[in-house]
Protein backbone atom coordinates (compact mmCIF):
# COMPACT_ATOMS: atom_id res chain seq x y z
CA MET A 1 0.00 0.00 0.00
CA ASN A 2 1.39 3.41 -0.92
CA LYS A 3 1.37 6.39 1.41
CA TYR A 4 -1.72 7.92 -0.20
CA THR A 5 -3.79 4.79 0.40
CA ARG A 6 -2.53 4.67 3.97
CA CYS A 7 -3.55 8.29 4.53
CA ALA A 8 -7.01 7.55 3.19
CA VAL A 9 -7.45 4.80 5.79
CA MET A 10 -6.31 7.07 8.61
CA LEU A 11 -8.49 9.97 7.53
CA GLY A 12 -11.53 7.68 7.60
CA ALA A 13 -11.29 7.76 11.38
CA LEU A 14 -12.26 11.40 11.46
CA LEU A 15 -15.56 11.06 9.60
CA LEU A 16 -19.02 10.51 11.14
CA GLY A 17 -20.01 7.02 12.33
CA ALA A 18 -22.92 5.29 10.67
CA CYS A 19 -24.90 2.40 12.13
CA SER A 20 -23.33 0.68 15.11
CA HIS A 21 -26.02 -0.97 17.27
CA GLU A 22 -23.77 -1.64 20.24
CA HIS A 23 -25.78 -0.22 23.15
CA ASP A 24 -25.41 -1.57 26.68
CA ASP A 25 -26.94 0.24 29.60
CA GLU A 26 -25.03 -1.79 32.12
CA HIS A 27 -21.28 -2.30 31.94
CA PRO A 28 -20.90 -5.86 30.57
CA ALA A 29 -18.63 -8.43 32.18
CA HIS A 30 -17.64 -9.71 28.72
CA PRO A 31 -18.41 -7.01 26.15
CA GLU A 32 -18.69 -7.84 22.47
CA PRO A 33 -15.58 -7.19 20.35
CA ALA A 34 -15.30 -3.77 18.68
CA THR A 35 -14.11 -5.10 15.35
CA GLU A 36 -14.00 -3.52 11.94
CA THR A 37 -17.66 -4.44 11.49
CA ASP A 38 -18.30 -1.38 13.70
CA HIS A 39 -17.43 0.98 10.91
CA GLY A 40 -18.12 4.57 10.02
CA HIS A 41 -18.23 6.44 6.76
CA GLY A 42 -14.81 6.46 5.16
CA GLY A 43 -13.55 3.27 6.84
CA GLY A 44 -13.28 4.45 10.47
CA ILE A 45 -14.59 2.44 13.44
CA SER A 46 -17.29 3.97 15.64
CA VAL A 47 -18.55 2.51 18.90
CA THR A 48 -21.15 3.64 21.42
CA ARG A 49 -20.95 2.45 25.02
CA PHE A 50 -22.63 3.37 28.31
CA SER A 51 -21.46 3.30 31.90
CA PRO A 52 -23.86 4.05 34.76
CA ALA A 53 -22.95 7.76 34.58
CA THR A 54 -21.53 8.42 31.10
CA GLU A 55 -22.06 7.79 27.41
CA LEU A 56 -19.04 7.19 25.16
CA PHE A 57 -19.17 7.65 21.41
CA VAL A 58 -15.70 7.07 19.96
CA GLU A 59 -14.32 7.04 16.42
CA TYR A 60 -10.89 5.67 15.58
CA PRO A 61 -9.10 4.09 12.59
CA PRO A 62 -8.30 0.39 12.19
CA LEU A 63 -5.45 -0.39 14.58
CA VAL A 64 -2.10 -1.10 12.92
CA SER A 65 1.02 -2.22 14.78
CA GLY A 66 3.51 0.67 15.03
CA GLU A 67 1.10 3.23 13.50
CA ASP A 68 -0.40 6.14 15.47
CA ALA A 69 -4.18 5.79 15.91
CA ALA A 70 -6.00 9.05 16.63
CA PHE A 71 -9.14 8.59 18.77
CA ALA A 72 -12.00 11.10 18.71
CA ALA A 73 -13.86 10.25 21.93
CA HIS A 74 -17.10 12.07 22.79
CA LEU A 75 -18.08 11.77 26.47
CA THR A 76 -21.48 12.82 27.80
CA TRP A 77 -22.86 12.91 31.33
CA LEU A 78 -26.10 10.95 31.67
CA GLY A 79 -28.82 12.74 33.64
CA GLU A 80 -31.99 14.73 33.15
CA ARG A 81 -30.12 16.64 30.47
CA PHE A 82 -27.14 15.08 28.70
CA GLU A 83 -24.16 17.44 28.95
CA ALA A 84 -20.62 17.34 27.62
CA VAL A 85 -17.92 16.13 30.00
CA ASP A 86 -15.66 19.15 30.47
CA GLU A 87 -13.13 17.83 32.99
CA GLY A 88 -10.77 14.95 33.70
CA ARG A 89 -8.64 12.87 31.36
CA LEU A 90 -9.36 9.90 29.11
CA VAL A 91 -6.99 6.92 29.31
CA VAL A 92 -6.89 4.43 26.42
CA THR A 93 -5.47 1.02 27.32
CA LEU A 94 -4.75 -1.86 24.95
CA THR A 95 -3.86 -5.15 26.64
CA SER A 96 -3.19 -8.74 25.59
CA ASP A 97 -3.28 -12.09 27.31
CA GLY A 98 0.50 -12.19 27.09
CA GLY A 99 0.76 -9.13 29.33
CA ALA A 100 1.64 -6.52 26.68
CA THR A 101 0.07 -3.14 27.40
CA ASP A 102 -0.11 0.00 25.30
CA ARG A 103 -1.42 3.19 26.84
CA ALA A 104 -2.30 6.76 25.84
CA GLU A 105 -4.17 9.55 27.54
CA ALA A 106 -5.51 13.03 26.84
CA SER A 107 -7.28 15.81 28.71
CA VAL A 108 -10.47 17.36 27.40
CA SER A 109 -9.82 19.30 24.18
CA ASP A 110 -10.76 22.89 23.41
CA THR A 111 -14.20 21.53 22.58
CA PRO A 112 -15.88 20.37 25.84
CA GLY A 113 -16.86 16.70 25.64
CA ILE A 114 -14.19 15.67 23.09
CA PHE A 115 -10.96 13.91 24.03
CA ARG A 116 -8.29 13.14 21.42
CA PRO A 117 -5.75 10.60 22.69
CA VAL A 118 -3.31 9.13 20.16
CA LEU A 119 -2.33 5.48 20.72
CA GLU A 120 0.51 3.57 19.03
CA PRO A 121 -0.36 -0.15 19.21
CA GLY A 122 2.57 -2.51 19.66
CA THR A 123 2.01 -6.23 19.33
CA ALA A 124 -0.29 -7.31 16.50
CA GLY A 125 -3.12 -9.74 17.17
CA LYS A 126 -6.24 -9.81 19.31
CA ARG A 127 -6.14 -7.25 22.10
CA ARG A 128 -8.57 -5.81 24.62
CA LEU A 129 -9.47 -2.11 24.37
CA LEU A 130 -10.52 -0.11 27.45
CA LEU A 131 -11.31 3.62 27.67
CA THR A 132 -11.44 5.10 31.18
CA LEU A 133 -12.50 8.59 32.18
CA GLU A 134 -10.57 9.66 35.27
CA ILE A 135 -11.74 12.61 37.37
CA GLY A 136 -9.88 12.75 40.64
CA GLU A 137 -10.57 9.46 42.40
CA ARG A 138 -13.55 8.66 40.20
CA ARG A 139 -13.33 6.18 37.33
CA HIS A 140 -15.84 5.70 34.53
CA GLU A 141 -14.89 2.66 32.45
CA HIS A 142 -15.98 1.74 28.93
CA ASP A 143 -14.76 -1.70 27.91
CA LEU A 144 -14.81 -2.01 24.12
CA GLY A 145 -13.90 -5.67 24.32
CA GLU A 146 -11.69 -7.58 21.91
CA VAL A 147 -10.20 -5.73 18.94
CA VAL A 148 -7.66 -6.68 16.27
CA VAL A 149 -4.31 -4.94 15.85
CA HIS A 150 -3.25 -5.57 12.26
CA PRO A 151 0.38 -6.22 11.33
CA ASP A 152 0.32 -3.60 8.55
CA ALA A 153 -1.93 -1.13 6.77
CA SER A 154 -2.62 -3.57 3.90
CA ALA A 155 -4.11 -6.10 6.30
CA ALA A 156 -6.18 -3.35 7.94
CA ALA A 157 -7.55 -2.22 4.59
CA ALA A 158 -8.39 -5.79 3.56
CA ALA A 159 -10.32 -6.35 6.79
CA LEU A 160 -12.65 -3.42 6.19
CA PRO A 161 -16.05 -4.51 4.86
CA ALA A 162 -17.82 -2.71 2.06
CA GLU A 163 -19.43 0.50 3.25
CA GLU A 164 -23.22 0.38 3.59
CA GLU A 165 -25.12 3.65 3.60
CA ASP A 166 -28.36 3.80 5.61
CA ALA A 167 -30.52 6.22 3.64
CA GLY A 168 -32.96 6.59 6.55
CA ALA A 169 -30.36 7.51 9.16
CA ILE A 170 -30.51 11.04 10.58
CA SER A 171 -27.16 12.59 11.42
CA PHE A 172 -27.19 14.61 14.65
CA THR A 173 -23.73 15.34 15.98
CA LYS A 174 -22.70 15.44 19.60
CA GLU A 175 -21.92 19.13 19.26
CA GLN A 176 -25.54 19.71 18.20
CA GLN A 177 -26.86 17.54 21.02
CA TRP A 178 -24.81 19.31 23.69
CA LYS A 179 -26.20 22.70 22.67
CA LEU A 180 -29.78 21.57 23.32
CA ASP A 181 -31.82 20.08 26.12
CA PHE A 182 -31.19 16.55 24.91
CA ALA A 183 -31.46 13.04 26.37
CA HIS A 184 -32.37 9.50 25.42
CA ALA A 185 -33.55 6.46 27.36
CA PRO A 186 -33.95 2.73 26.70
CA ALA A 187 -37.30 1.15 25.94
CA GLN A 188 -38.01 -1.20 28.83
CA THR A 189 -40.74 -3.43 30.21
CA ARG A 190 -42.70 -1.73 32.96
CA GLU A 191 -45.91 -2.09 34.90
CA LEU A 192 -48.31 0.66 33.81
CA ARG A 193 -51.58 1.70 35.41
CA GLU A 194 -54.60 2.10 33.16
CA SER A 195 -56.31 5.49 33.21
CA VAL A 196 -59.16 7.47 31.65
CA ALA A 197 -59.07 11.07 30.46
CA ALA A 198 -60.79 13.81 32.45
CA THR A 199 -60.89 17.59 32.76
CA ALA A 200 -60.04 18.90 36.19
CA LEU A 201 -60.40 22.08 38.21
CA ILE A 202 -58.07 23.14 41.01
CA ARG A 203 -59.96 24.75 43.89
CA PRO A 204 -59.49 25.36 47.60
CA ALA A 205 -60.54 22.62 49.99
CA ALA A 206 -64.09 23.21 51.24
CA ASP A 207 -62.98 23.54 54.87
CA ARG A 208 -60.04 25.80 53.99
CA GLU A 209 -61.73 28.79 52.38
CA ALA A 210 -64.00 31.59 53.55
CA ARG A 211 -65.87 34.48 51.97
CA ILE A 212 -66.17 37.68 53.97
CA VAL A 213 -69.53 39.43 53.45
CA SER A 214 -70.84 42.72 54.72
CA PRO A 215 -73.15 42.34 57.76
CA ALA A 216 -74.77 45.70 57.05
CA ALA A 217 -74.84 48.57 54.63
CA GLY A 218 -71.96 50.99 55.08
CA VAL A 219 -68.58 52.23 53.96
CA LEU A 220 -65.32 50.23 54.10
CA GLU A 221 -62.09 51.33 55.73
CA THR A 222 -58.75 49.55 56.26
CA GLY A 223 -58.35 46.96 59.01
CA ASP A 224 -55.25 45.91 60.96
CA THR A 225 -52.97 46.51 57.97
CA ALA A 226 -53.22 48.04 54.52
CA PHE A 227 -56.35 47.34 52.53
CA PRO A 228 -56.11 43.66 51.44
CA HIS A 229 -55.22 42.73 47.87
CA VAL A 230 -54.97 39.45 45.94
CA GLY A 231 -52.02 37.46 47.21
CA SER A 232 -51.92 39.05 50.66
CA PRO A 233 -51.17 36.54 53.44
CA VAL A 234 -53.57 36.74 56.38
CA GLU A 235 -53.70 35.29 59.88
CA LYS A 236 -56.68 33.76 61.61
CA GLY A 237 -58.60 36.51 63.41
CA GLN A 238 -56.87 39.33 61.51
CA VAL A 239 -59.10 42.37 60.83
CA LEU A 240 -59.21 42.66 57.05
CA VAL A 241 -61.49 45.70 56.74
CA THR A 242 -63.66 47.84 58.99
CA LEU A 243 -67.27 48.57 58.08
CA MET A 244 -68.65 52.00 58.99
CA PRO A 245 -72.43 51.32 59.02
CA ARG A 246 -74.76 53.69 57.23
CA LEU A 247 -77.87 55.11 58.98
CA ALA A 248 -81.03 53.27 58.02
CA THR A 249 -83.64 55.09 55.99
CA GLY A 250 -85.67 57.46 58.17
CA VAL A 251 -83.09 57.47 60.99
CA ASP A 252 -81.22 60.65 61.95
CA LEU A 253 -78.88 61.74 64.75
CA ALA A 254 -81.70 63.21 66.84
CA THR A 255 -83.48 59.87 66.89
CA LEU A 256 -80.26 58.07 67.88
CA GLU A 257 -79.67 60.59 70.68
CA ALA A 258 -83.18 59.95 71.99
CA ASP A 259 -82.49 56.19 71.88
CA VAL A 260 -79.37 56.74 73.99
CA GLN A 261 -81.30 58.79 76.56
CA ARG A 262 -84.06 56.18 76.84
CA ALA A 263 -81.49 53.40 77.22
CA ARG A 264 -79.61 55.38 79.88
CA ILE A 265 -82.80 56.01 81.89
CA ARG A 266 -83.78 52.31 81.71
CA ALA A 267 -80.29 51.31 82.82
CA GLU A 268 -80.34 53.72 85.81
CA HIS A 269 -83.80 52.49 86.83
CA ALA A 270 -82.72 48.85 86.57
CA THR A 271 -79.64 49.55 88.71
CA GLN A 272 -81.71 51.20 91.47
CA THR A 273 -84.28 48.38 91.42
CA ALA A 274 -81.62 45.72 91.68
CA ARG A 275 -79.88 47.51 94.57
CA ARG A 276 -83.18 47.85 96.54
CA LEU A 277 -84.14 44.19 96.03
CA ARG A 278 -80.72 43.00 97.21
CA GLN A 279 -81.27 44.97 100.45
CA LEU A 280 -84.70 43.42 100.89
CA VAL A 281 -83.29 39.95 100.34
CA GLU A 282 -80.69 40.58 103.06
CA ALA A 283 -83.54 41.62 105.37
CA GLU A 284 -85.41 38.43 104.39
CA VAL A 285 -88.37 40.46 103.21
CA VAL A 286 -88.49 39.14 99.61
CA ALA A 287 -87.30 35.96 97.94
CA ALA A 288 -83.77 35.82 96.50
CA SER A 289 -85.16 34.97 93.06
CA ARG A 290 -86.57 38.49 92.71
CA ALA A 291 -83.12 40.01 93.26
CA LEU A 292 -81.61 37.62 90.72
CA ALA A 293 -84.19 38.65 88.11
CA ALA A 294 -83.47 42.30 88.84
CA ASP A 295 -79.74 41.68 88.26
CA HIS A 296 -80.53 40.17 84.84
CA ASP A 297 -82.68 43.19 83.93
CA GLU A 298 -79.85 45.52 84.95
CA ARG A 299 -77.28 43.73 82.72
CA LEU A 300 -79.67 43.76 79.76
CA ALA A 301 -80.42 47.46 80.17
CA ARG A 302 -76.71 48.33 80.30
CA ALA A 303 -76.05 46.22 77.16
CA GLU A 304 -78.79 48.12 75.33
CA LEU A 305 -77.24 51.40 76.49
CA ARG A 306 -73.82 50.40 75.13
CA ALA A 307 -75.37 49.40 71.80
CA ALA A 308 -77.20 52.69 71.51
CA GLU A 309 -74.05 54.64 72.34
CA ARG A 310 -72.11 52.65 69.75
CA ARG A 311 -74.71 53.30 67.05
CA ILE A 312 -74.61 57.02 67.55
CA GLY A 313 -70.79 56.93 67.76
CA MET A 314 -70.58 55.20 64.39
CA ALA A 315 -73.07 57.63 62.91
CA ARG A 316 -70.79 60.46 64.08
CA GLY A 317 -67.67 58.66 62.70
CA GLU A 318 -66.51 57.59 66.14
CA GLY A 319 -65.73 54.17 67.63
CA GLY A 320 -63.90 52.48 64.69
CA GLY A 321 -66.87 50.74 63.04
CA ILE A 322 -67.44 46.98 62.72
CA PRO A 323 -64.23 44.91 62.27
CA LEU A 324 -64.50 42.13 59.67
CA ARG A 325 -62.04 39.34 60.56
CA SER A 326 -60.62 36.38 58.64
CA PRO A 327 -61.85 33.10 60.16
CA LEU A 328 -58.75 31.25 58.96
CA ALA A 329 -55.09 31.69 58.04
CA GLY A 330 -54.36 31.71 54.34
CA THR A 331 -54.11 33.94 51.29
CA VAL A 332 -56.46 36.50 49.81
CA VAL A 333 -57.50 35.03 46.45
CA ASP A 334 -60.18 37.55 45.46
CA VAL A 335 -61.16 41.12 46.44
CA ARG A 336 -64.44 42.55 45.17
CA THR A 337 -64.26 46.06 46.65
CA THR A 338 -61.98 48.97 47.54
CA ARG A 339 -61.37 51.32 50.43
CA GLY A 340 -64.10 53.90 50.78
CA ALA A 341 -66.58 51.87 48.75
CA ALA A 342 -70.23 51.85 49.79
CA VAL A 343 -71.44 48.27 50.25
CA LEU A 344 -74.80 46.66 50.86
CA GLU A 345 -75.79 44.16 53.50
CA GLY A 346 -74.81 40.62 52.40
CA GLU A 347 -72.45 41.83 49.66
CA ALA A 348 -69.39 39.57 49.05
CA LEU A 349 -66.19 41.47 49.83
CA ILE A 350 -63.13 39.23 50.19
CA HIS A 351 -62.32 35.57 49.46
CA VAL A 352 -59.65 33.94 51.67
CA ALA A 353 -58.26 30.43 51.10
CA ASP A 354 -55.58 28.22 52.60
CA LEU A 355 -53.76 26.94 49.49
CA ALA A 356 -51.26 24.72 51.30
CA HIS A 357 -53.65 21.90 50.37
CA VAL A 358 -56.04 22.08 47.42
CA TRP A 359 -58.67 19.93 45.81
CA LEU A 360 -58.32 18.58 42.29
CA GLU A 361 -61.82 17.94 41.01
CA ALA A 362 -61.63 15.59 38.01
CA ASN A 363 -64.82 15.29 35.95
CA ILE A 364 -65.02 11.76 34.54
CA SER A 365 -67.15 11.05 31.49
CA GLU A 366 -70.21 8.89 31.97
CA ALA A 367 -68.89 6.57 29.25
CA ASP A 368 -65.79 5.73 31.34
CA LEU A 369 -67.53 5.06 34.64
CA GLY A 370 -67.86 1.35 33.92
CA ARG A 371 -64.06 1.01 33.99
CA ILE A 372 -63.69 2.55 37.46
CA THR A 373 -64.58 1.05 40.81
CA THR A 374 -62.61 3.42 43.04
CA PRO A 375 -60.21 6.00 41.56
CA ALA A 376 -56.66 5.05 42.58
CA GLY A 377 -55.07 8.41 41.73
CA VAL A 378 -54.47 10.86 38.90
CA PHE A 379 -51.69 12.40 36.87
CA PHE A 380 -51.56 15.67 34.98
CA GLN A 381 -49.08 17.98 33.32
CA ARG A 382 -49.29 21.75 33.31
CA ASP A 383 -48.20 23.82 30.32
CA GLY A 384 -44.49 24.52 30.63
CA GLU A 385 -43.74 21.52 32.86
CA THR A 386 -41.43 18.83 31.53
CA GLY A 387 -42.85 15.97 33.57
CA ALA A 388 -46.22 14.75 34.76
CA ARG A 389 -47.38 15.06 38.35
CA VAL A 390 -48.45 11.64 39.57
CA LEU A 391 -50.82 11.54 42.55
CA GLU A 392 -51.53 8.22 44.27
CA VAL A 393 -54.25 7.75 46.84
CA GLY A 394 -52.66 6.79 50.15
CA ARG A 395 -49.22 8.12 49.19
CA ASN A 396 -49.41 11.77 48.16
CA ALA A 397 -53.15 12.29 47.68
CA ARG A 398 -56.42 11.64 49.50
CA LEU A 399 -59.66 10.67 47.78
CA VAL A 400 -62.20 13.10 49.23
CA ALA A 401 -65.23 11.96 47.24
CA PHE A 402 -66.31 10.05 44.16
CA GLY A 403 -69.66 11.42 43.06
CA GLY A 404 -72.72 9.23 42.72
CA LEU A 405 -74.77 11.54 40.50
CA VAL A 406 -74.15 12.18 36.80
CA ASP A 407 -74.41 15.88 35.96
CA GLU A 408 -77.37 16.29 33.60
CA HIS A 409 -75.57 18.87 31.46
CA SER A 410 -71.93 17.70 31.26
CA ARG A 411 -72.71 13.97 31.73
CA THR A 412 -69.74 13.65 34.06
CA VAL A 413 -69.13 12.53 37.64
CA PRO A 414 -66.58 14.33 39.86
CA ALA A 415 -63.73 12.57 41.65
CA ILE A 416 -62.17 14.91 44.21
CA PHE A 417 -58.59 14.47 45.42
CA GLU A 418 -56.89 16.50 48.14
CA ILE A 419 -53.23 17.16 47.32
CA ASP A 420 -50.30 18.97 48.87
CA ASN A 421 -49.54 22.40 47.42
CA ALA A 422 -46.86 23.68 49.78
CA ASP A 423 -45.01 25.39 46.93
CA ARG A 424 -48.23 27.22 45.88
CA THR A 425 -47.67 26.39 42.21
CA LEU A 426 -51.28 25.26 41.80
CA ARG A 427 -53.67 28.20 41.75
CA ALA A 428 -57.34 28.21 42.64
CA GLY A 429 -59.48 28.16 39.51
CA MET A 430 -56.79 26.53 37.34
CA ARG A 431 -57.99 23.97 34.80
CA VAL A 432 -55.77 21.03 33.79
CA GLN A 433 -56.10 18.00 31.53
CA THR A 434 -55.68 14.91 33.66
CA ARG A 435 -56.04 11.16 33.61
CA VAL A 436 -57.59 9.17 36.44
CA PHE A 437 -56.16 5.76 37.35
CA VAL A 438 -58.88 3.12 37.18
CA GLY A 439 -57.14 0.62 39.47
CA ARG A 440 -55.85 -1.92 36.93
CA VAL A 441 -52.18 -2.57 36.07
CA VAL A 442 -50.77 -3.95 32.81
CA SER A 443 -47.21 -4.91 31.88
CA GLY A 444 -45.59 -3.94 28.59
CA LEU A 445 -42.78 -2.23 26.74
CA ALA A 446 -42.70 1.49 27.53
CA VAL A 447 -40.77 4.63 26.63
CA PRO A 448 -40.81 8.13 28.15
CA ALA A 449 -43.97 9.96 27.06
CA SER A 450 -41.81 12.91 26.00
CA ALA A 451 -40.26 10.69 23.30
CA ILE A 452 -43.53 10.57 21.33
CA VAL A 453 -43.71 13.20 18.58
CA ASP A 454 -46.74 13.99 16.42
CA ASP A 455 -45.32 14.05 12.91
CA ASN A 456 -48.07 15.00 10.46
CA GLY A 457 -50.65 12.95 12.31
CA GLN A 458 -48.36 9.99 12.96
CA GLN A 459 -46.90 9.09 16.33
CA VAL A 460 -43.16 8.63 15.93
CA VAL A 461 -40.03 8.22 18.01
CA PHE A 462 -36.38 8.67 17.10
CA VAL A 463 -34.28 5.60 17.84
CA MET A 464 -30.57 5.91 18.48
CA LEU A 465 -28.44 3.89 16.03
CA ASP A 466 -25.13 5.14 17.38
CA GLY A 467 -23.92 8.24 19.19
CA GLU A 468 -24.58 10.55 16.23
CA SER A 469 -27.08 8.63 14.12
CA PHE A 470 -30.83 8.18 14.63
CA ALA A 471 -33.78 6.60 12.84
CA ARG A 472 -37.40 7.73 12.65
CA ARG A 473 -39.88 5.04 13.69
CA VAL A 474 -43.66 5.10 13.50
CA VAL A 475 -45.08 3.59 16.70
CA ARG A 476 -48.40 2.43 18.09
CA THR A 477 -48.92 3.55 21.68
CA GLY A 478 -51.06 2.17 24.47
CA VAL A 479 -51.54 2.88 28.16
CA ARG A 480 -49.95 6.02 29.60
CA ASP A 481 -48.89 6.17 33.24
CA GLY A 482 -47.43 9.53 34.22
CA ASP A 483 -44.18 10.09 32.33
CA TRP A 484 -44.23 6.63 30.65
CA ILE A 485 -46.31 5.35 27.78
CA ALA A 486 -46.69 1.83 26.40
CA VAL A 487 -45.37 1.15 22.89
CA GLU A 488 -47.14 -1.77 21.22
CA ALA A 489 -45.19 -1.64 17.93
CA GLY A 490 -42.23 0.16 16.38
CA VAL A 491 -39.55 -0.18 19.07
CA ALA A 492 -37.66 -3.21 20.39
CA PRO A 493 -36.67 -3.75 24.06
CA GLY A 494 -33.38 -2.05 24.90
CA GLU A 495 -33.42 0.35 21.96
CA ARG A 496 -32.76 3.89 23.09
CA VAL A 497 -35.23 6.59 22.08
CA VAL A 498 -34.74 10.35 22.23
CA SER A 499 -36.67 11.50 25.30
CA LEU A 500 -35.62 15.17 25.34
CA GLY A 501 -35.03 17.15 22.17
CA ALA A 502 -37.07 14.89 19.86
CA TYR A 503 -38.72 17.88 18.18
CA GLN A 504 -35.34 19.42 17.33
CA LEU A 505 -34.23 16.08 15.92
CA ARG A 506 -37.37 16.03 13.76
CA LEU A 507 -36.33 19.43 12.41
CA ALA A 508 -32.87 18.05 11.67
CA ALA A 509 -34.49 15.22 9.70
CA THR A 510 -36.72 17.52 7.63
CA ALA A 511 -34.44 20.56 7.29
CA PRO A 512 -30.82 19.79 8.25
CA ALA A 513 -29.71 23.34 7.43
CA ALA A 514 -31.97 24.70 10.16
CA MET A 515 -29.95 22.88 12.83
CA GLY A 516 -26.52 23.98 11.62
CA HIS A 517 -23.52 21.90 10.74
CA GLY A 518 -19.98 21.46 11.88
CA HIS A 519 -18.00 18.73 13.51
CA ALA A 520 -15.14 19.53 15.85
CA HIS A 521 -13.33 16.26 15.12
């Protein structure tokens, strides 16, 4: 082989990998060999491996004894969002049963996530290839298994199979993935709970809300603090507003003054009568019961005097008015009036609710009632949230009621669940689409629900072929349970599907230019 042919073989290592299907979620005790059948475009070898914490996608040329082999290793942290490894060093080790060891290492390159060690294999023959990410005392191993070190470049070229192009493969480089919220997960068999769709309303618990109404006609003033507004925290017993009552029709100050005088005279007369009867009781002239009755009359007369004095004081703007207090601690969720407003008797003024716990009222269609004996829980997902909230009766929710009457207009029955809302993210009056667990469990192959993409009316997922290559698959879905959904066709167990960033990958498949290009190899 001349030097130009040899250069062509080496340059093949720097091109994109095609269709390696070597995915292992657990580190294997005896991994499959990474032979030249794991090839990339241009004759390079590409391999994808997983450790519990990292993903390795590596490209390298066929190994030739005495020839430098440049590795382009892409390392990604596995987590909620896959991110480039930007620290540590990558050690490449090539061993043989005879004890020969070749070793090379490299720190992370100028491009985070990419390591470029260069290894010069020694002894030709079957060797074992191990790539280890070292960060301090931590080790993340990727065992590529048995590989062949060829005696010369001619033998390496002869061992390469004919290149096969997968026309359906979607190229999506690691550099593109790292710039996005991107992740993938294996399809796996899970137990899934059956559920039915329902619309739901978030509202305060019935025993944790109160509406403050006006006990009389009058004018409102501030209470203990500034005039309440939506979102104001309140304590139990706190004066929210003060009502300054308005004189009734036909009542004037002169009439109120006369009422005070009459009440004062009655009170003085009752006091004198009670004092005289107590003296007579001491002299054993009258029975003690008469003195007791006189005492009651005196207290009643003085109470009427205080009420009359208070009425005239309020009419004159004295005495502070009638305080309207909150019967519970919570948050003001609605205010229907303002300071200085004239209100009528019985008019709703302020709505207070304790939102630390709320009710989720799910309205279940009459057609689905036959599938439910007792609701076992619900799950829902608000707009803007990445995952579903799963509520299970007996764990993080309480079934308050399951209605026995079908609403004549909506033809639904409510199931009410009490749930914790300590973070106050659920607001009273909020409507959410939810699904109610019916109490039955099925087992089947499932993928993250976020992996399902609506592509022109078809449900599809994007299956990982290797670290930078994906395939579009049409799937048939089944039961959904929270963040997981059953897949009845289209995906095999263990295949990894894009669970975060699937929409961007769809764009890459339909309009590659929209996602940009560029490989930092």
